[in-house]
Amino acid sequence: MKIVPIIGVVVVALFILLPILSGNAALPEDMSATEIGNFIGGFAGYWIDALKTVSSGL
């Protein structure tokens, strides 16, 4: 039972870190709306592209 929380943390970390490490979602330098919007847009764009790639491969 101790492995399930560890796997959950790893999945959540990958979900958040993959767009950042790929360069699609740059970390905001300050808390301005533009910086946060660029981060969220890059984050969402990464996962939309990933889902399109997976769905086209099926």
PDB file of N, CA and C in Angstrom:
ATOM      1  N   MET A   1       0.815  -1.211   0.000  1.00  0.00           N
ATOM      2  CA  MET A   1       0.000   0.000   0.000  1.00  0.00           C
ATOM      3  C   MET A   1       0.855   1.271   0.000  1.00  0.00           C
ATOM      4  N   LYS A   2       2.112   1.163   0.336  1.00  0.00           N
ATOM      5  CA  LYS A   2       2.947   2.358   0.390  1.00  0.00           C
ATOM      6  C   LYS A   2       3.407   2.804  -0.986  1.00  0.00           C
ATOM      7  N   ILE A   3       3.306   1.935  -1.991  1.00  0.00           N
ATOM      8  CA  ILE A   3       3.779   2.275  -3.322  1.00  0.00           C
ATOM      9  C   ILE A   3       2.773   3.170  -4.058  1.00  0.00           C
ATOM     10  N   VAL A   4       1.494   3.060  -3.737  1.00  0.00           N
ATOM     11  CA  VAL A   4       0.460   3.821  -4.448  1.00  0.00           C
ATOM     12  C   VAL A   4       0.645   5.332  -4.280  1.00  0.00           C
ATOM     13  N   PRO A   5       0.878   5.844  -3.070  1.00  0.00           N
ATOM     14  CA  PRO A   5       1.113   7.292  -2.956  1.00  0.00           C
ATOM     15  C   PRO A   5       2.371   7.755  -3.687  1.00  0.00           C
ATOM     16  N   ILE A   6       3.388   6.920  -3.706  1.00  0.00           N
ATOM     17  CA  ILE A   6       4.622   7.287  -4.399  1.00  0.00           C
ATOM     18  C   ILE A   6       4.365   7.382  -5.894  1.00  0.00           C
ATOM     19  N   ILE A   7       3.638   6.425  -6.440  1.00  0.00           N
ATOM     20  CA  ILE A   7       3.300   6.456  -7.861  1.00  0.00           C
ATOM     21  C   ILE A   7       2.442   7.676  -8.167  1.00  0.00           C
ATOM     22  N   GLY A   8       1.523   8.013  -7.275  1.00  0.00           N
ATOM     23  CA  GLY A   8       0.686   9.202  -7.463  1.00  0.00           C
ATOM     24  C   GLY A   8       1.501  10.480  -7.501  1.00  0.00           C
ATOM     25  N   VAL A   9       2.455  10.594  -6.616  1.00  0.00           N
ATOM     26  CA  VAL A   9       3.309  11.789  -6.582  1.00  0.00           C
ATOM     27  C   VAL A   9       4.150  11.873  -7.852  1.00  0.00           C
ATOM     28  N   VAL A  10       4.657  10.744  -8.321  1.00  0.00           N
ATOM     29  CA  VAL A  10       5.463  10.733  -9.543  1.00  0.00           C
ATOM     30  C   VAL A  10       4.621  11.137 -10.744  1.00  0.00           C
ATOM     31  N   VAL A  11       3.390  10.651 -10.827  1.00  0.00           N
ATOM     32  CA  VAL A  11       2.502  10.996 -11.948  1.00  0.00           C
ATOM     33  C   VAL A  11       2.183  12.491 -11.935  1.00  0.00           C
ATOM     34  N   VAL A  12       1.872  13.036 -10.777  1.00  0.00           N
ATOM     35  CA  VAL A  12       1.575  14.469 -10.674  1.00  0.00           C
ATOM     36  C   VAL A  12       2.807  15.298 -11.020  1.00  0.00           C
ATOM     37  N   ALA A  13       3.966  14.873 -10.548  1.00  0.00           N
ATOM     38  CA  ALA A  13       5.205  15.597 -10.851  1.00  0.00           C
ATOM     39  C   ALA A  13       5.491  15.581 -12.348  1.00  0.00           C
ATOM     40  N   LEU A  14       5.305  14.450 -13.001  1.00  0.00           N
ATOM     41  CA  LEU A  14       5.519  14.378 -14.448  1.00  0.00           C
ATOM     42  C   LEU A  14       4.514  15.241 -15.193  1.00  0.00           C
ATOM     43  N   PHE A  15       3.270  15.245 -14.732  1.00  0.00           N
ATOM     44  CA  PHE A  15       2.240  16.069 -15.364  1.00  0.00           C
ATOM     45  C   PHE A  15       2.621  17.544 -15.334  1.00  0.00           C
ATOM     46  N   ILE A  16       3.223  17.975 -14.255  1.00  0.00           N
ATOM     47  CA  ILE A  16       3.601  19.382 -14.118  1.00  0.00           C
ATOM     48  C   ILE A  16       4.964  19.656 -14.765  1.00  0.00           C
ATOM     49  N   LEU A  17       5.917  18.754 -14.618  1.00  0.00           N
ATOM     50  CA  LEU A  17       7.286  19.016 -15.058  1.00  0.00           C
ATOM     51  C   LEU A  17       7.533  18.799 -16.548  1.00  0.00           C
ATOM     52  N   LEU A  18       6.808  17.910 -17.198  1.00  0.00           N
ATOM     53  CA  LEU A  18       7.066  17.647 -18.611  1.00  0.00           C
ATOM     54  C   LEU A  18       6.933  18.895 -19.485  1.00  0.00           C
ATOM     55  N   PRO A  19       5.874  19.705 -19.349  1.00  0.00           N
ATOM     56  CA  PRO A  19       5.813  20.921 -20.177  1.00  0.00           C
ATOM     57  C   PRO A  19       6.931  21.914 -19.863  1.00  0.00           C
ATOM     58  N   ILE A  20       7.346  21.979 -18.609  1.00  0.00           N
ATOM     59  CA  ILE A  20       8.403  22.913 -18.220  1.00  0.00           C
ATOM     60  C   ILE A  20       9.745  22.443 -18.781  1.00  0.00           C
ATOM     61  N   LEU A  21      10.030  21.154 -18.643  1.00  0.00           N
ATOM     62  CA  LEU A  21      11.307  20.628 -19.117  1.00  0.00           C
ATOM     63  C   LEU A  21      11.408  20.622 -20.634  1.00  0.00           C
ATOM     64  N   SER A  22      10.275  20.515 -21.327  1.00  0.00           N
ATOM     65  CA  SER A  22      10.305  20.534 -22.791  1.00  0.00           C
ATOM     66  C   SER A  22      10.477  21.951 -23.340  1.00  0.00           C
ATOM     67  N   GLY A  23      10.265  22.948 -22.509  1.00  0.00           N
ATOM     68  CA  GLY A  23      10.427  24.332 -22.944  1.00  0.00           C
ATOM     69  C   GLY A  23       9.150  24.981 -23.431  1.00  0.00           C
ATOM     70  N   ASN A  24       8.041  24.272 -23.377  1.00  0.00           N
ATOM     71  CA  ASN A  24       6.776  24.850 -23.833  1.00  0.00           C
ATOM     72  C   ASN A  24       6.176  25.802 -22.810  1.00  0.00           C
ATOM     73  N   ALA A  25       6.388  25.550 -21.546  1.00  0.00           N
ATOM     74  CA  ALA A  25       5.830  26.377 -20.483  1.00  0.00           C
ATOM     75  C   ALA A  25       6.977  26.978 -19.673  1.00  0.00           C
ATOM     76  N   ALA A  26       7.338  28.201 -19.990  1.00  0.00           N
ATOM     77  CA  ALA A  26       8.407  28.874 -19.247  1.00  0.00           C
ATOM     78  C   ALA A  26       7.877  29.325 -17.891  1.00  0.00           C
ATOM     79  N   LEU A  27       8.670  29.118 -16.870  1.00  0.00           N
ATOM     80  CA  LEU A  27       8.253  29.545 -15.535  1.00  0.00           C
ATOM     81  C   LEU A  27       8.121  31.067 -15.492  1.00  0.00           C
ATOM     82  N   PRO A  28       7.058  31.563 -14.872  1.00  0.00           N
ATOM     83  CA  PRO A  28       6.878  33.014 -14.791  1.00  0.00           C
ATOM     84  C   PRO A  28       7.967  33.664 -13.936  1.00  0.00           C
ATOM     85  N   GLU A  29       8.491  34.782 -14.428  1.00  0.00           N
ATOM     86  CA  GLU A  29       9.517  35.498 -13.674  1.00  0.00           C
ATOM     87  C   GLU A  29       8.908  36.381 -12.594  1.00  0.00           C
ATOM     88  N   ASP A  30       7.698  36.860 -12.846  1.00  0.00           N
ATOM     89  CA  ASP A  30       6.988  37.631 -11.834  1.00  0.00           C
ATOM     90  C   ASP A  30       5.519  37.218 -11.874  1.00  0.00           C
ATOM     91  N   MET A  31       4.719  37.822 -11.043  1.00  0.00           N
ATOM     92  CA  MET A  31       3.323  37.424 -10.929  1.00  0.00           C
ATOM     93  C   MET A  31       2.395  38.279 -11.793  1.00  0.00           C
ATOM     94  N   SER A  32       2.899  38.783 -12.917  1.00  0.00           N
ATOM     95  CA  SER A  32       2.043  39.583 -13.787  1.00  0.00           C
ATOM     96  C   SER A  32       1.105  38.659 -14.564  1.00  0.00           C
ATOM     97  N   ALA A  33       0.002  39.211 -14.994  1.00  0.00           N
ATOM     98  CA  ALA A  33      -0.998  38.432 -15.715  1.00  0.00           C
ATOM     99  C   ALA A  33      -0.437  37.879 -17.022  1.00  0.00           C
ATOM    100  N   THR A  34       0.407  38.651 -17.690  1.00  0.00           N
ATOM    101  CA  THR A  34       0.992  38.199 -18.951  1.00  0.00           C
ATOM    102  C   THR A  34       1.891  36.986 -18.744  1.00  0.00           C
ATOM    103  N   GLU A  35       2.736  37.030 -17.735  1.00  0.00           N
ATOM    104  CA  GLU A  35       3.645  35.918 -17.458  1.00  0.00           C
ATOM    105  C   GLU A  35       2.879  34.658 -17.074  1.00  0.00           C
ATOM    106  N   ILE A  36       1.886  34.800 -16.235  1.00  0.00           N
ATOM    107  CA  ILE A  36       1.097  33.643 -15.809  1.00  0.00           C
ATOM    108  C   ILE A  36       0.282  33.104 -16.979  1.00  0.00           C
ATOM    109  N   GLY A  37      -0.251  33.986 -17.803  1.00  0.00           N
ATOM    110  CA  GLY A  37      -0.989  33.559 -18.987  1.00  0.00           C
ATOM    111  C   GLY A  37      -0.116  32.808 -19.970  1.00  0.00           C
ATOM    112  N   ASN A  38       1.114  33.269 -20.167  1.00  0.00           N
ATOM    113  CA  ASN A  38       2.046  32.561 -21.048  1.00  0.00           C
ATOM    114  C   ASN A  38       2.376  31.174 -20.498  1.00  0.00           C
ATOM    115  N   PHE A  39       2.533  31.072 -19.184  1.00  0.00           N
ATOM    116  CA  PHE A  39       2.810  29.779 -18.567  1.00  0.00           C
ATOM    117  C   PHE A  39       1.637  28.827 -18.738  1.00  0.00           C
ATOM    118  N   ILE A  40       0.446  29.290 -18.435  1.00  0.00           N
ATOM    119  CA  ILE A  40      -0.737  28.433 -18.548  1.00  0.00           C
ATOM    120  C   ILE A  40      -0.992  28.057 -20.009  1.00  0.00           C
ATOM    121  N   GLY A  41      -0.788  29.004 -20.912  1.00  0.00           N
ATOM    122  CA  GLY A  41      -0.963  28.712 -22.332  1.00  0.00           C
ATOM    123  C   GLY A  41       0.027  27.679 -22.833  1.00  0.00           C
ATOM    124  N   GLY A  42       1.269  27.780 -22.417  1.00  0.00           N
ATOM    125  CA  GLY A  42       2.271  26.794 -22.803  1.00  0.00           C
ATOM    126  C   GLY A  42       1.992  25.430 -22.203  1.00  0.00           C
ATOM    127  N   PHE A  43       1.541  25.437 -20.959  1.00  0.00           N
ATOM    128  CA  PHE A  43       1.200  24.201 -20.260  1.00  0.00           C
ATOM    129  C   PHE A  43       0.040  23.495 -20.959  1.00  0.00           C
ATOM    130  N   ALA A  44      -1.016  24.241 -21.234  1.00  0.00           N
ATOM    131  CA  ALA A  44      -2.186  23.659 -21.901  1.00  0.00           C
ATOM    132  C   ALA A  44      -1.848  23.255 -23.332  1.00  0.00           C
ATOM    133  N   GLY A  45      -1.080  24.072 -24.023  1.00  0.00           N
ATOM    134  CA  GLY A  45      -0.690  23.748 -25.390  1.00  0.00           C
ATOM    135  C   GLY A  45       0.108  22.459 -25.474  1.00  0.00           C
ATOM    136  N   TYR A  46       0.983  22.238 -24.510  1.00  0.00           N
ATOM    137  CA  TYR A  46       1.773  21.007 -24.479  1.00  0.00           C
ATOM    138  C   TYR A  46       0.868  19.791 -24.375  1.00  0.00           C
ATOM    139  N   TRP A  47      -0.085  19.831 -23.431  1.00  0.00           N
ATOM    140  CA  TRP A  47      -0.933  18.668 -23.223  1.00  0.00           C
ATOM    141  C   TRP A  47      -1.939  18.486 -24.358  1.00  0.00           C
ATOM    142  N   ILE A  48      -2.372  19.553 -24.984  1.00  0.00           N
ATOM    143  CA  ILE A  48      -3.255  19.432 -26.148  1.00  0.00           C
ATOM    144  C   ILE A  48      -2.498  18.774 -27.298  1.00  0.00           C
ATOM    145  N   ASP A  49      -1.270  19.206 -27.550  1.00  0.00           N
ATOM    146  CA  ASP A  49      -0.460  18.583 -28.594  1.00  0.00           C
ATOM    147  C   ASP A  49      -0.173  17.116 -28.285  1.00  0.00           C
ATOM    148  N   ALA A  50       0.097  16.834 -27.025  1.00  0.00           N
ATOM    149  CA  ALA A  50       0.362  15.438 -26.631  1.00  0.00           C
ATOM    150  C   ALA A  50      -0.861  14.567 -26.850  1.00  0.00           C
ATOM    151  N   LEU A  51      -2.036  15.074 -26.497  1.00  0.00           N
ATOM    152  CA  LEU A  51      -3.257  14.301 -26.700  1.00  0.00           C
ATOM    153  C   LEU A  51      -3.582  14.128 -28.178  1.00  0.00           C
ATOM    154  N   LYS A  52      -3.305  15.150 -28.997  1.00  0.00           N
ATOM    155  CA  LYS A  52      -3.503  15.021 -30.441  1.00  0.00           C
ATOM    156  C   LYS A  52      -2.571  13.966 -31.017  1.00  0.00           C
ATOM    157  N   THR A  53      -1.329  13.947 -30.566  1.00  0.00           N
ATOM    158  CA  THR A  53      -0.366  12.963 -31.051  1.00  0.00           C
ATOM    159  C   THR A  53      -0.795  11.546 -30.665  1.00  0.00           C
ATOM    160  N   VAL A  54      -1.251  11.386 -29.440  1.00  0.00           N
ATOM    161  CA  VAL A  54      -1.685  10.064 -28.979  1.00  0.00           C
ATOM    162  C   VAL A  54      -2.936   9.625 -29.749  1.00  0.00           C
ATOM    163  N   SER A  55      -3.879  10.525 -29.934  1.00  0.00           N
ATOM    164  CA  SER A  55      -5.119  10.152 -30.609  1.00  0.00           C
ATOM    165  C   SER A  55      -4.889   9.866 -32.093  1.00  0.00           C
ATOM    166  N   SER A  56      -3.942  10.536 -32.725  1.00  0.00           N
ATOM    167  CA  SER A  56      -3.667  10.267 -34.140  1.00  0.00           C
ATOM    168  C   SER A  56      -2.918   8.941 -34.302  1.00  0.00           C
ATOM    169  N   GLY A  57      -2.242   8.506 -33.279  1.00  0.00           N
ATOM    170  CA  GLY A  57      -1.526   7.239 -33.331  1.00  0.00           C
ATOM    171  C   GLY A  57      -2.415   6.034 -33.087  1.00  0.00           C
ATOM    172  N   LEU A  58      -3.622   6.275 -32.618  1.00  0.00           N
ATOM    173  CA  LEU A  58      -4.534   5.157 -32.355  1.00  0.00           C
ATOM    174  C   LEU A  58      -5.257   4.756 -33.552  1.00  0.00           C
TER     175      LEU A  58
END
